[in-house]
C-alpha cells in the first residue's frame, strides 16, 4: 500500500520483543498468558484514523459502499467509519457511506482454501457502478481476499479498495506483520 513513494504502513518484525508489560495496565486474568504488548491500543486507533484520512482522499467526493467482513472486522469497521464521520464534520469533504455486512468462510479445518462461501448478503448486485471499500481486520494469506475481490468484481463496481488493520507478509516471503 504505497502512494507516490509514501509508505502507508508500520512493519513489525517477528524478532521484535514488544513493549514491556510494565508500561500498560491489563486485566489480571491475562497476567500468566502474555509476555509483552506488540501494538498498543493507542497506536491501533492512530493508524485507524490515518486510514480514514487515506480513504477520504482516495474516494474523493464519491459515495462509498462498505462491505464489512464479519466477525473480526466489525470493531475495526465501526472505528474506521466513526473516524470518517468525524473527518467529514471537521472539513468540507463529507464521505457518504452505506455499510453492508458479510461473513466469509474459506477455511477447511485450519487451512485456507480458494473456495469462498459468503454468508449474509449473497446477492451483491447493489454494488454495480458503486465505489466499494472492503473492510477486513486481518488479511492473512490473501487467498480469501483474492477470492472476495474476484466475486465482487463480477458485479461491476466502479472501484474497489481494501482496508485492513493487519496483513501478514508471509505471502511475500518475509515473516513480518504489516500494520496498515
N, C-alpha and C. Protein backbone atom coordinates (compact mmCIF):
# COMPACT_ATOMS: atom_id res chain seq x y z
N UNK A 1 0.85 -1.18 0.00
CA UNK A 1 0.00 0.00 0.00
C UNK A 1 0.89 1.24 0.00
N UNK A 2 1.43 1.58 -1.14
CA UNK A 2 2.27 2.77 -1.23
C UNK A 2 1.63 3.75 -2.18
N UNK A 3 1.81 5.02 -1.90
CA UNK A 3 1.20 6.06 -2.70
C UNK A 3 2.24 7.14 -2.95
N UNK A 4 2.61 7.33 -4.21
CA UNK A 4 3.57 8.37 -4.60
C UNK A 4 4.84 8.31 -3.74
N UNK A 5 5.35 7.10 -3.53
CA UNK A 5 6.59 6.95 -2.78
C UNK A 5 6.42 7.01 -1.28
N UNK A 6 5.20 7.21 -0.79
CA UNK A 6 4.94 7.27 0.65
C UNK A 6 4.59 5.88 1.16
N UNK A 7 5.25 5.46 2.21
CA UNK A 7 4.87 4.20 2.84
C UNK A 7 3.67 4.47 3.73
N UNK A 8 2.71 3.55 3.70
CA UNK A 8 1.48 3.75 4.46
C UNK A 8 1.31 2.75 5.59
N UNK A 9 2.32 2.02 5.96
CA UNK A 9 2.14 1.02 7.00
C UNK A 9 3.31 0.99 7.96
N UNK A 10 3.14 0.24 9.03
CA UNK A 10 4.17 0.00 10.03
C UNK A 10 4.51 -1.48 9.95
N UNK A 11 5.78 -1.82 9.88
CA UNK A 11 6.18 -3.22 9.81
C UNK A 11 6.72 -3.65 11.16
N UNK A 12 6.20 -4.76 11.66
CA UNK A 12 6.65 -5.31 12.94
C UNK A 12 7.34 -6.64 12.64
N UNK A 13 8.64 -6.69 12.85
CA UNK A 13 9.44 -7.89 12.58
C UNK A 13 9.16 -8.94 13.65
N UNK A 14 9.26 -10.21 13.25
CA UNK A 14 8.99 -11.32 14.17
C UNK A 14 9.93 -11.35 15.36
N UNK A 15 11.16 -10.88 15.21
CA UNK A 15 12.11 -10.96 16.32
C UNK A 15 12.02 -9.78 17.28
N UNK A 16 11.09 -8.84 17.03
CA UNK A 16 10.93 -7.72 17.95
C UNK A 16 10.24 -8.21 19.22
N UNK A 17 10.80 -7.91 20.39
CA UNK A 17 10.26 -8.46 21.63
C UNK A 17 8.98 -7.79 22.13
N UNK A 18 8.61 -6.65 21.57
CA UNK A 18 7.41 -5.96 22.02
C UNK A 18 7.72 -5.02 23.18
N UNK A 19 6.67 -4.35 23.65
CA UNK A 19 6.81 -3.43 24.78
C UNK A 19 6.66 -4.20 26.08
N UNK A 20 7.34 -3.74 27.10
CA UNK A 20 7.26 -4.36 28.42
C UNK A 20 5.85 -4.20 28.97
N UNK A 21 5.38 -5.25 29.63
CA UNK A 21 4.04 -5.21 30.24
C UNK A 21 3.96 -4.16 31.34
N UNK A 22 5.09 -3.76 31.91
CA UNK A 22 5.09 -2.76 32.97
C UNK A 22 4.62 -1.39 32.48
N UNK A 23 4.57 -1.20 31.17
CA UNK A 23 4.12 0.07 30.60
C UNK A 23 2.60 0.16 30.49
N UNK A 24 1.90 -0.94 30.75
CA UNK A 24 0.46 -1.00 30.50
C UNK A 24 -0.30 -1.56 31.69
N UNK A 25 -1.58 -1.23 31.71
CA UNK A 25 -2.49 -1.91 32.63
C UNK A 25 -3.31 -2.87 31.78
N UNK A 26 -3.58 -4.02 32.35
CA UNK A 26 -4.36 -5.03 31.62
C UNK A 26 -5.02 -5.93 32.65
N UNK A 27 -6.09 -6.61 32.25
CA UNK A 27 -6.85 -7.43 33.20
C UNK A 27 -5.98 -8.51 33.86
N UNK A 28 -6.21 -8.69 35.14
CA UNK A 28 -5.42 -9.63 35.92
C UNK A 28 -5.47 -11.05 35.36
N UNK A 29 -6.60 -11.44 34.79
CA UNK A 29 -6.70 -12.82 34.29
C UNK A 29 -5.79 -13.07 33.08
N UNK A 30 -5.15 -12.03 32.54
CA UNK A 30 -4.19 -12.20 31.44
C UNK A 30 -2.74 -12.30 31.94
N UNK A 31 -2.50 -12.09 33.21
CA UNK A 31 -1.14 -12.00 33.74
C UNK A 31 -0.26 -13.21 33.41
N UNK A 32 -0.80 -14.39 33.32
CA UNK A 32 0.00 -15.57 33.03
C UNK A 32 -0.03 -15.94 31.55
N UNK A 33 -0.75 -15.17 30.75
CA UNK A 33 -0.92 -15.53 29.35
C UNK A 33 -0.11 -14.69 28.37
N UNK A 34 0.32 -13.50 28.76
CA UNK A 34 1.04 -12.65 27.82
C UNK A 34 2.40 -12.22 28.38
N UNK A 35 3.34 -12.03 27.46
CA UNK A 35 4.69 -11.63 27.85
C UNK A 35 5.00 -10.17 27.51
N UNK A 36 4.35 -9.65 26.46
CA UNK A 36 4.62 -8.28 26.04
C UNK A 36 3.45 -7.78 25.19
N UNK A 37 3.48 -6.49 24.89
CA UNK A 37 2.45 -5.87 24.05
C UNK A 37 3.13 -5.45 22.75
N UNK A 38 2.60 -5.92 21.64
CA UNK A 38 3.19 -5.58 20.34
C UNK A 38 2.59 -4.30 19.76
N UNK A 39 1.28 -4.16 19.86
CA UNK A 39 0.63 -2.99 19.28
C UNK A 39 -0.33 -2.40 20.32
N UNK A 40 0.06 -1.32 20.97
CA UNK A 40 -0.81 -0.69 21.97
C UNK A 40 -2.09 -0.14 21.32
N UNK A 41 -3.14 -0.11 22.09
CA UNK A 41 -4.45 0.35 21.61
C UNK A 41 -4.38 1.74 20.98
N UNK A 42 -3.62 2.63 21.59
CA UNK A 42 -3.49 3.99 21.05
C UNK A 42 -2.90 4.01 19.65
N UNK A 43 -1.95 3.12 19.39
CA UNK A 43 -1.35 3.03 18.06
C UNK A 43 -2.39 2.50 17.07
N UNK A 44 -3.17 1.52 17.49
CA UNK A 44 -4.24 0.99 16.62
C UNK A 44 -5.20 2.11 16.26
N UNK A 45 -5.60 2.90 17.23
CA UNK A 45 -6.55 3.98 16.96
C UNK A 45 -5.93 5.07 16.08
N UNK A 46 -4.65 5.40 16.31
CA UNK A 46 -3.99 6.40 15.47
C UNK A 46 -3.90 5.93 14.03
N UNK A 47 -3.55 4.66 13.82
CA UNK A 47 -3.46 4.10 12.47
C UNK A 47 -4.83 4.04 11.82
N UNK A 48 -5.86 3.74 12.59
CA UNK A 48 -7.22 3.69 12.06
C UNK A 48 -7.65 5.08 11.60
N UNK A 49 -7.32 6.09 12.40
CA UNK A 49 -7.64 7.46 11.99
C UNK A 49 -6.89 7.84 10.72
N UNK A 50 -5.63 7.45 10.61
CA UNK A 50 -4.85 7.75 9.41
C UNK A 50 -5.46 7.04 8.19
N UNK A 51 -5.88 5.79 8.37
CA UNK A 51 -6.53 5.07 7.27
C UNK A 51 -7.81 5.79 6.83
N UNK A 52 -8.54 6.33 7.78
CA UNK A 52 -9.76 7.08 7.45
C UNK A 52 -9.40 8.27 6.56
N UNK A 53 -8.30 8.93 6.86
CA UNK A 53 -7.85 10.06 6.03
C UNK A 53 -7.49 9.59 4.61
N UNK A 54 -6.76 8.48 4.52
CA UNK A 54 -6.41 7.94 3.21
C UNK A 54 -7.68 7.60 2.42
N UNK A 55 -8.63 6.98 3.09
CA UNK A 55 -9.88 6.59 2.42
C UNK A 55 -10.62 7.82 1.93
N UNK A 56 -10.72 8.82 2.77
CA UNK A 56 -11.39 10.06 2.37
C UNK A 56 -10.72 10.65 1.14
N UNK A 57 -9.40 10.66 1.13
CA UNK A 57 -8.67 11.20 -0.02
C UNK A 57 -8.80 10.31 -1.25
N UNK A 58 -8.72 9.00 -1.07
CA UNK A 58 -8.80 8.07 -2.20
C UNK A 58 -10.16 8.07 -2.87
N UNK A 59 -11.22 8.19 -2.09
CA UNK A 59 -12.56 8.14 -2.65
C UNK A 59 -13.08 9.52 -3.03
N UNK A 60 -12.33 10.54 -2.67
CA UNK A 60 -12.66 11.94 -3.02
C UNK A 60 -14.12 12.25 -2.68
N UNK A 61 -14.90 12.63 -3.67
CA UNK A 61 -16.29 13.04 -3.42
C UNK A 61 -17.30 11.93 -3.70
N UNK A 62 -16.83 10.70 -3.93
CA UNK A 62 -17.72 9.57 -4.18
C UNK A 62 -18.46 9.16 -2.91
N UNK A 63 -19.65 8.63 -3.10
CA UNK A 63 -20.32 7.91 -2.02
C UNK A 63 -19.73 6.51 -2.05
N UNK A 64 -19.57 5.88 -0.89
CA UNK A 64 -18.99 4.54 -0.89
C UNK A 64 -19.91 3.54 -0.22
N UNK A 65 -19.82 2.32 -0.72
CA UNK A 65 -20.49 1.19 -0.08
C UNK A 65 -19.40 0.39 0.61
N UNK A 66 -19.56 0.21 1.90
CA UNK A 66 -18.58 -0.50 2.71
C UNK A 66 -19.07 -1.92 2.92
N UNK A 67 -18.23 -2.89 2.58
CA UNK A 67 -18.52 -4.29 2.90
C UNK A 67 -17.67 -4.66 4.10
N UNK A 68 -18.30 -4.78 5.24
CA UNK A 68 -17.61 -5.13 6.48
C UNK A 68 -17.60 -6.65 6.60
N UNK A 69 -16.40 -7.23 6.66
CA UNK A 69 -16.26 -8.67 6.76
C UNK A 69 -16.31 -9.07 8.23
N UNK A 70 -17.38 -9.75 8.59
CA UNK A 70 -17.59 -10.20 9.97
C UNK A 70 -16.85 -11.51 10.20
N UNK A 71 -16.59 -11.86 11.36
CA UNK A 71 -16.88 -11.22 12.61
C UNK A 71 -15.73 -10.31 13.01
N UNK A 72 -14.52 -10.69 12.63
CA UNK A 72 -13.33 -9.97 13.06
C UNK A 72 -13.27 -8.51 12.66
N UNK A 73 -13.89 -8.15 11.55
CA UNK A 73 -13.79 -6.79 11.06
C UNK A 73 -14.76 -5.81 11.67
N UNK A 74 -15.69 -6.29 12.50
CA UNK A 74 -16.76 -5.42 13.00
C UNK A 74 -16.24 -4.22 13.79
N UNK A 75 -15.43 -4.45 14.79
CA UNK A 75 -14.95 -3.35 15.65
C UNK A 75 -14.07 -2.40 14.86
N UNK A 76 -13.17 -2.95 14.05
CA UNK A 76 -12.31 -2.12 13.23
C UNK A 76 -13.14 -1.28 12.26
N UNK A 77 -14.14 -1.89 11.64
CA UNK A 77 -15.01 -1.17 10.71
C UNK A 77 -15.77 -0.05 11.43
N UNK A 78 -16.30 -0.35 12.59
CA UNK A 78 -17.04 0.67 13.35
C UNK A 78 -16.14 1.85 13.70
N UNK A 79 -14.93 1.56 14.16
CA UNK A 79 -13.98 2.64 14.49
C UNK A 79 -13.61 3.44 13.24
N UNK A 80 -13.36 2.74 12.15
CA UNK A 80 -12.99 3.40 10.89
C UNK A 80 -14.11 4.31 10.39
N UNK A 81 -15.34 3.82 10.44
CA UNK A 81 -16.49 4.62 9.98
C UNK A 81 -16.68 5.85 10.87
N UNK A 82 -16.43 5.69 12.16
CA UNK A 82 -16.55 6.83 13.08
C UNK A 82 -15.51 7.90 12.74
N UNK A 83 -14.27 7.48 12.47
CA UNK A 83 -13.24 8.44 12.09
C UNK A 83 -13.59 9.13 10.78
N UNK A 84 -14.15 8.40 9.84
CA UNK A 84 -14.55 9.01 8.56
C UNK A 84 -15.63 10.06 8.80
N UNK A 85 -16.59 9.76 9.67
CA UNK A 85 -17.64 10.73 10.00
C UNK A 85 -17.06 11.98 10.66
N UNK A 86 -16.16 11.79 11.61
CA UNK A 86 -15.54 12.92 12.31
C UNK A 86 -14.76 13.78 11.32
N UNK A 87 -14.00 13.15 10.43
CA UNK A 87 -13.26 13.91 9.43
C UNK A 87 -14.20 14.72 8.55
N UNK A 88 -15.34 14.15 8.20
CA UNK A 88 -16.32 14.86 7.38
C UNK A 88 -16.91 16.05 8.10
N UNK A 89 -17.17 15.89 9.40
CA UNK A 89 -17.73 17.00 10.18
C UNK A 89 -16.72 18.13 10.34
N UNK A 90 -15.44 17.80 10.33
CA UNK A 90 -14.40 18.79 10.56
C UNK A 90 -13.78 19.34 9.27
N UNK A 91 -14.38 19.02 8.14
CA UNK A 91 -13.84 19.53 6.87
C UNK A 91 -15.00 19.69 5.88
N UNK A 92 -14.67 20.05 4.67
CA UNK A 92 -15.70 20.17 3.65
C UNK A 92 -15.75 18.92 2.76
N UNK A 93 -15.12 17.82 3.20
CA UNK A 93 -15.09 16.58 2.45
C UNK A 93 -15.89 15.50 3.18
N UNK A 94 -17.19 15.58 3.11
CA UNK A 94 -18.03 14.57 3.75
C UNK A 94 -18.16 13.38 2.81
N UNK A 95 -17.91 12.20 3.31
CA UNK A 95 -17.97 10.98 2.53
C UNK A 95 -19.20 10.18 2.96
N UNK A 96 -20.21 10.13 2.11
CA UNK A 96 -21.42 9.38 2.44
C UNK A 96 -21.14 7.89 2.33
N UNK A 97 -21.51 7.15 3.38
CA UNK A 97 -21.23 5.71 3.41
C UNK A 97 -22.49 4.90 3.64
N UNK A 98 -22.51 3.71 3.04
CA UNK A 98 -23.54 2.71 3.29
C UNK A 98 -22.78 1.46 3.69
N UNK A 99 -23.08 0.91 4.85
CA UNK A 99 -22.35 -0.25 5.35
C UNK A 99 -23.22 -1.50 5.22
N UNK A 100 -22.64 -2.52 4.62
CA UNK A 100 -23.26 -3.84 4.49
C UNK A 100 -22.35 -4.85 5.18
N UNK A 101 -22.92 -5.88 5.75
CA UNK A 101 -22.14 -6.88 6.48
C UNK A 101 -22.18 -8.22 5.76
N UNK A 102 -21.01 -8.85 5.65
CA UNK A 102 -20.94 -10.19 5.09
C UNK A 102 -20.01 -11.02 5.97
N UNK A 103 -20.23 -12.31 5.94
CA UNK A 103 -19.31 -13.26 6.59
C UNK A 103 -18.76 -14.15 5.51
N UNK A 104 -17.51 -14.49 5.66
CA UNK A 104 -16.86 -15.33 4.67
C UNK A 104 -16.37 -16.61 5.33
N UNK A 105 -16.45 -17.67 4.57
CA UNK A 105 -15.89 -18.93 5.04
C UNK A 105 -15.00 -19.45 3.93
N UNK A 106 -13.72 -19.57 4.23
CA UNK A 106 -12.79 -20.06 3.21
C UNK A 106 -11.78 -21.04 3.81
N UNK A 107 -12.01 -21.41 5.06
CA UNK A 107 -11.09 -22.33 5.70
C UNK A 107 -11.72 -23.71 5.84
N UNK A 108 -10.91 -24.74 5.61
CA UNK A 108 -11.32 -26.10 5.87
C UNK A 108 -10.39 -26.58 6.97
N UNK A 109 -10.95 -26.84 8.14
CA UNK A 109 -10.17 -27.08 9.35
C UNK A 109 -9.32 -25.84 9.61
N UNK A 110 -8.00 -25.92 9.51
CA UNK A 110 -7.17 -24.73 9.76
C UNK A 110 -6.43 -24.29 8.50
N UNK A 111 -6.85 -24.78 7.34
CA UNK A 111 -6.19 -24.44 6.07
C UNK A 111 -7.06 -23.53 5.23
N UNK A 112 -6.46 -22.45 4.73
CA UNK A 112 -7.16 -21.53 3.84
C UNK A 112 -7.34 -22.19 2.48
N UNK A 113 -8.53 -22.04 1.90
CA UNK A 113 -8.80 -22.58 0.58
C UNK A 113 -9.24 -21.45 -0.34
N UNK A 114 -9.33 -21.72 -1.62
CA UNK A 114 -9.78 -20.71 -2.56
C UNK A 114 -11.30 -20.76 -2.73
N UNK A 115 -11.95 -21.74 -2.08
CA UNK A 115 -13.41 -21.83 -2.12
C UNK A 115 -13.99 -20.82 -1.14
N UNK A 116 -14.75 -19.88 -1.66
CA UNK A 116 -15.29 -18.81 -0.83
C UNK A 116 -16.79 -19.00 -0.69
N UNK A 117 -17.25 -19.00 0.54
CA UNK A 117 -18.68 -19.08 0.83
C UNK A 117 -19.07 -17.78 1.54
N UNK A 118 -19.98 -17.03 0.93
CA UNK A 118 -20.44 -15.78 1.52
C UNK A 118 -21.70 -16.07 2.29
N UNK A 119 -21.70 -15.67 3.55
CA UNK A 119 -22.86 -15.86 4.41
C UNK A 119 -23.44 -14.47 4.66
N UNK A 120 -24.68 -14.31 4.41
CA UNK A 120 -25.31 -13.00 4.56
C UNK A 120 -25.75 -12.49 3.21
N UNK A 121 -25.25 -11.36 2.80
CA UNK A 121 -25.65 -10.71 1.55
C UNK A 121 -25.04 -11.43 0.35
N UNK A 122 -25.70 -12.49 -0.12
CA UNK A 122 -25.20 -13.26 -1.26
C UNK A 122 -25.32 -12.47 -2.56
N UNK A 123 -26.43 -11.79 -2.71
CA UNK A 123 -26.65 -11.01 -3.93
C UNK A 123 -26.05 -9.62 -3.73
N UNK A 124 -24.91 -9.43 -4.32
CA UNK A 124 -24.21 -8.15 -4.18
C UNK A 124 -24.45 -7.26 -5.40
N UNK A 125 -25.57 -7.45 -6.08
CA UNK A 125 -25.85 -6.67 -7.29
C UNK A 125 -25.96 -5.17 -7.00
N UNK A 126 -26.23 -4.81 -5.76
CA UNK A 126 -26.31 -3.39 -5.39
C UNK A 126 -24.95 -2.70 -5.52
N UNK A 127 -23.87 -3.46 -5.75
CA UNK A 127 -22.53 -2.89 -5.90
C UNK A 127 -22.28 -2.36 -7.31
N UNK A 128 -23.14 -2.71 -8.25
CA UNK A 128 -22.93 -2.31 -9.64
C UNK A 128 -22.79 -0.80 -9.76
N UNK A 129 -21.67 -0.36 -10.33
CA UNK A 129 -21.41 1.06 -10.54
C UNK A 129 -21.03 1.84 -9.30
N UNK A 130 -20.89 1.17 -8.17
CA UNK A 130 -20.59 1.84 -6.89
C UNK A 130 -19.10 1.79 -6.58
N UNK A 131 -18.65 2.72 -5.76
CA UNK A 131 -17.31 2.69 -5.19
C UNK A 131 -17.40 1.87 -3.92
N UNK A 132 -16.58 0.82 -3.83
CA UNK A 132 -16.68 -0.16 -2.75
C UNK A 132 -15.42 -0.17 -1.91
N UNK A 133 -15.60 -0.20 -0.61
CA UNK A 133 -14.50 -0.36 0.34
C UNK A 133 -14.76 -1.64 1.11
N UNK A 134 -13.87 -2.60 0.99
CA UNK A 134 -13.97 -3.84 1.75
C UNK A 134 -13.14 -3.65 3.02
N UNK A 135 -13.75 -3.86 4.18
CA UNK A 135 -13.06 -3.68 5.45
C UNK A 135 -12.92 -5.05 6.12
N UNK A 136 -11.68 -5.45 6.30
CA UNK A 136 -11.33 -6.74 6.91
C UNK A 136 -10.26 -6.46 7.96
N UNK A 137 -10.41 -7.02 9.15
CA UNK A 137 -9.45 -6.74 10.21
C UNK A 137 -8.07 -7.27 9.87
N UNK A 138 -7.98 -8.55 9.53
CA UNK A 138 -6.67 -9.18 9.29
C UNK A 138 -6.70 -9.91 7.95
N UNK A 139 -5.75 -9.56 7.09
CA UNK A 139 -5.59 -10.28 5.84
C UNK A 139 -4.36 -11.18 6.04
N UNK A 140 -4.60 -12.49 6.06
CA UNK A 140 -3.52 -13.43 6.39
C UNK A 140 -2.81 -13.89 5.12
N UNK A 141 -3.26 -14.96 4.50
CA UNK A 141 -2.59 -15.46 3.29
C UNK A 141 -2.96 -14.66 2.06
N UNK A 142 -4.10 -13.99 2.10
CA UNK A 142 -4.58 -13.22 0.95
C UNK A 142 -5.50 -14.02 0.05
N UNK A 143 -5.60 -15.34 0.26
CA UNK A 143 -6.45 -16.18 -0.60
C UNK A 143 -7.92 -15.79 -0.49
N UNK A 144 -8.39 -15.60 0.72
CA UNK A 144 -9.80 -15.24 0.91
C UNK A 144 -10.09 -13.89 0.29
N UNK A 145 -9.21 -12.92 0.50
CA UNK A 145 -9.42 -11.59 -0.06
C UNK A 145 -9.38 -11.64 -1.58
N UNK A 146 -8.48 -12.41 -2.14
CA UNK A 146 -8.39 -12.54 -3.60
C UNK A 146 -9.69 -13.11 -4.16
N UNK A 147 -10.23 -14.13 -3.49
CA UNK A 147 -11.49 -14.73 -3.93
C UNK A 147 -12.65 -13.74 -3.78
N UNK A 148 -12.67 -12.98 -2.69
CA UNK A 148 -13.73 -12.00 -2.49
C UNK A 148 -13.65 -10.90 -3.55
N UNK A 149 -12.45 -10.41 -3.83
CA UNK A 149 -12.28 -9.37 -4.84
C UNK A 149 -12.76 -9.86 -6.21
N UNK A 150 -12.45 -11.11 -6.53
CA UNK A 150 -12.91 -11.69 -7.79
C UNK A 150 -14.44 -11.74 -7.83
N UNK A 151 -15.04 -12.17 -6.73
CA UNK A 151 -16.50 -12.26 -6.65
C UNK A 151 -17.14 -10.87 -6.75
N UNK A 152 -16.64 -9.92 -6.01
CA UNK A 152 -17.17 -8.56 -6.04
C UNK A 152 -17.03 -7.97 -7.45
N UNK A 153 -15.93 -8.28 -8.12
CA UNK A 153 -15.70 -7.78 -9.48
C UNK A 153 -16.75 -8.22 -10.47
N UNK A 154 -17.39 -9.37 -10.22
CA UNK A 154 -18.42 -9.85 -11.14
C UNK A 154 -19.66 -8.95 -11.13
N UNK A 155 -19.79 -8.11 -10.12
CA UNK A 155 -20.94 -7.20 -10.03
C UNK A 155 -20.63 -5.82 -10.62
N UNK A 156 -19.45 -5.69 -11.22
CA UNK A 156 -19.04 -4.49 -11.94
C UNK A 156 -19.13 -3.20 -11.13
N UNK A 157 -18.43 -3.16 -9.97
CA UNK A 157 -18.39 -1.90 -9.21
C UNK A 157 -17.53 -0.89 -9.95
N UNK A 158 -17.72 0.36 -9.62
CA UNK A 158 -16.92 1.44 -10.21
C UNK A 158 -15.46 1.33 -9.77
N UNK A 159 -15.25 1.05 -8.49
CA UNK A 159 -13.91 0.97 -7.90
C UNK A 159 -14.00 0.10 -6.66
N UNK A 160 -12.93 -0.63 -6.36
CA UNK A 160 -12.87 -1.45 -5.14
C UNK A 160 -11.53 -1.22 -4.47
N UNK A 161 -11.57 -0.94 -3.17
CA UNK A 161 -10.37 -0.80 -2.35
C UNK A 161 -10.57 -1.65 -1.10
N UNK A 162 -9.46 -2.02 -0.46
CA UNK A 162 -9.49 -2.84 0.74
C UNK A 162 -8.79 -2.11 1.87
N UNK A 163 -9.41 -2.09 3.04
CA UNK A 163 -8.78 -1.55 4.25
C UNK A 163 -8.67 -2.67 5.27
N UNK A 164 -7.47 -2.85 5.80
CA UNK A 164 -7.25 -3.85 6.83
C UNK A 164 -6.32 -3.29 7.89
N UNK A 165 -6.46 -3.75 9.10
CA UNK A 165 -5.62 -3.24 10.18
C UNK A 165 -4.30 -4.00 10.26
N UNK A 166 -4.29 -5.23 9.79
CA UNK A 166 -3.07 -6.02 9.84
C UNK A 166 -3.02 -6.98 8.66
N UNK A 167 -1.82 -7.15 8.10
CA UNK A 167 -1.63 -8.08 6.99
C UNK A 167 -0.33 -8.83 7.21
N UNK A 168 -0.38 -10.13 7.05
CA UNK A 168 0.82 -10.93 7.17
C UNK A 168 1.65 -10.77 5.91
N UNK A 169 2.95 -10.71 6.07
CA UNK A 169 3.84 -10.62 4.92
C UNK A 169 4.35 -11.99 4.50
N UNK A 170 3.84 -13.03 5.10
CA UNK A 170 4.31 -14.38 4.80
C UNK A 170 4.16 -14.71 3.32
N UNK A 171 3.12 -14.19 2.70
CA UNK A 171 2.91 -14.49 1.29
C UNK A 171 3.95 -13.80 0.41
N UNK A 172 4.69 -12.85 0.95
CA UNK A 172 5.72 -12.17 0.18
C UNK A 172 7.12 -12.70 0.54
N UNK A 173 7.18 -13.77 1.30
CA UNK A 173 8.47 -14.37 1.62
C UNK A 173 9.12 -13.87 2.90
N UNK A 174 8.47 -12.97 3.61
CA UNK A 174 9.04 -12.48 4.86
C UNK A 174 8.14 -12.92 6.00
N UNK A 175 8.61 -12.84 7.20
CA UNK A 175 7.81 -13.29 8.33
C UNK A 175 7.28 -12.15 9.16
N UNK A 176 7.38 -10.95 8.69
CA UNK A 176 6.93 -9.81 9.48
C UNK A 176 5.43 -9.56 9.29
N UNK A 177 4.89 -8.71 10.14
CA UNK A 177 3.50 -8.33 10.05
C UNK A 177 3.43 -6.87 9.68
N UNK A 178 2.59 -6.56 8.73
CA UNK A 178 2.41 -5.17 8.30
C UNK A 178 1.17 -4.63 9.00
N UNK A 179 1.34 -3.52 9.67
CA UNK A 179 0.26 -2.89 10.40
C UNK A 179 -0.17 -1.69 9.59
N UNK A 180 -1.21 -1.87 8.76
CA UNK A 180 -1.68 -0.81 7.87
C UNK A 180 -2.63 0.05 8.61
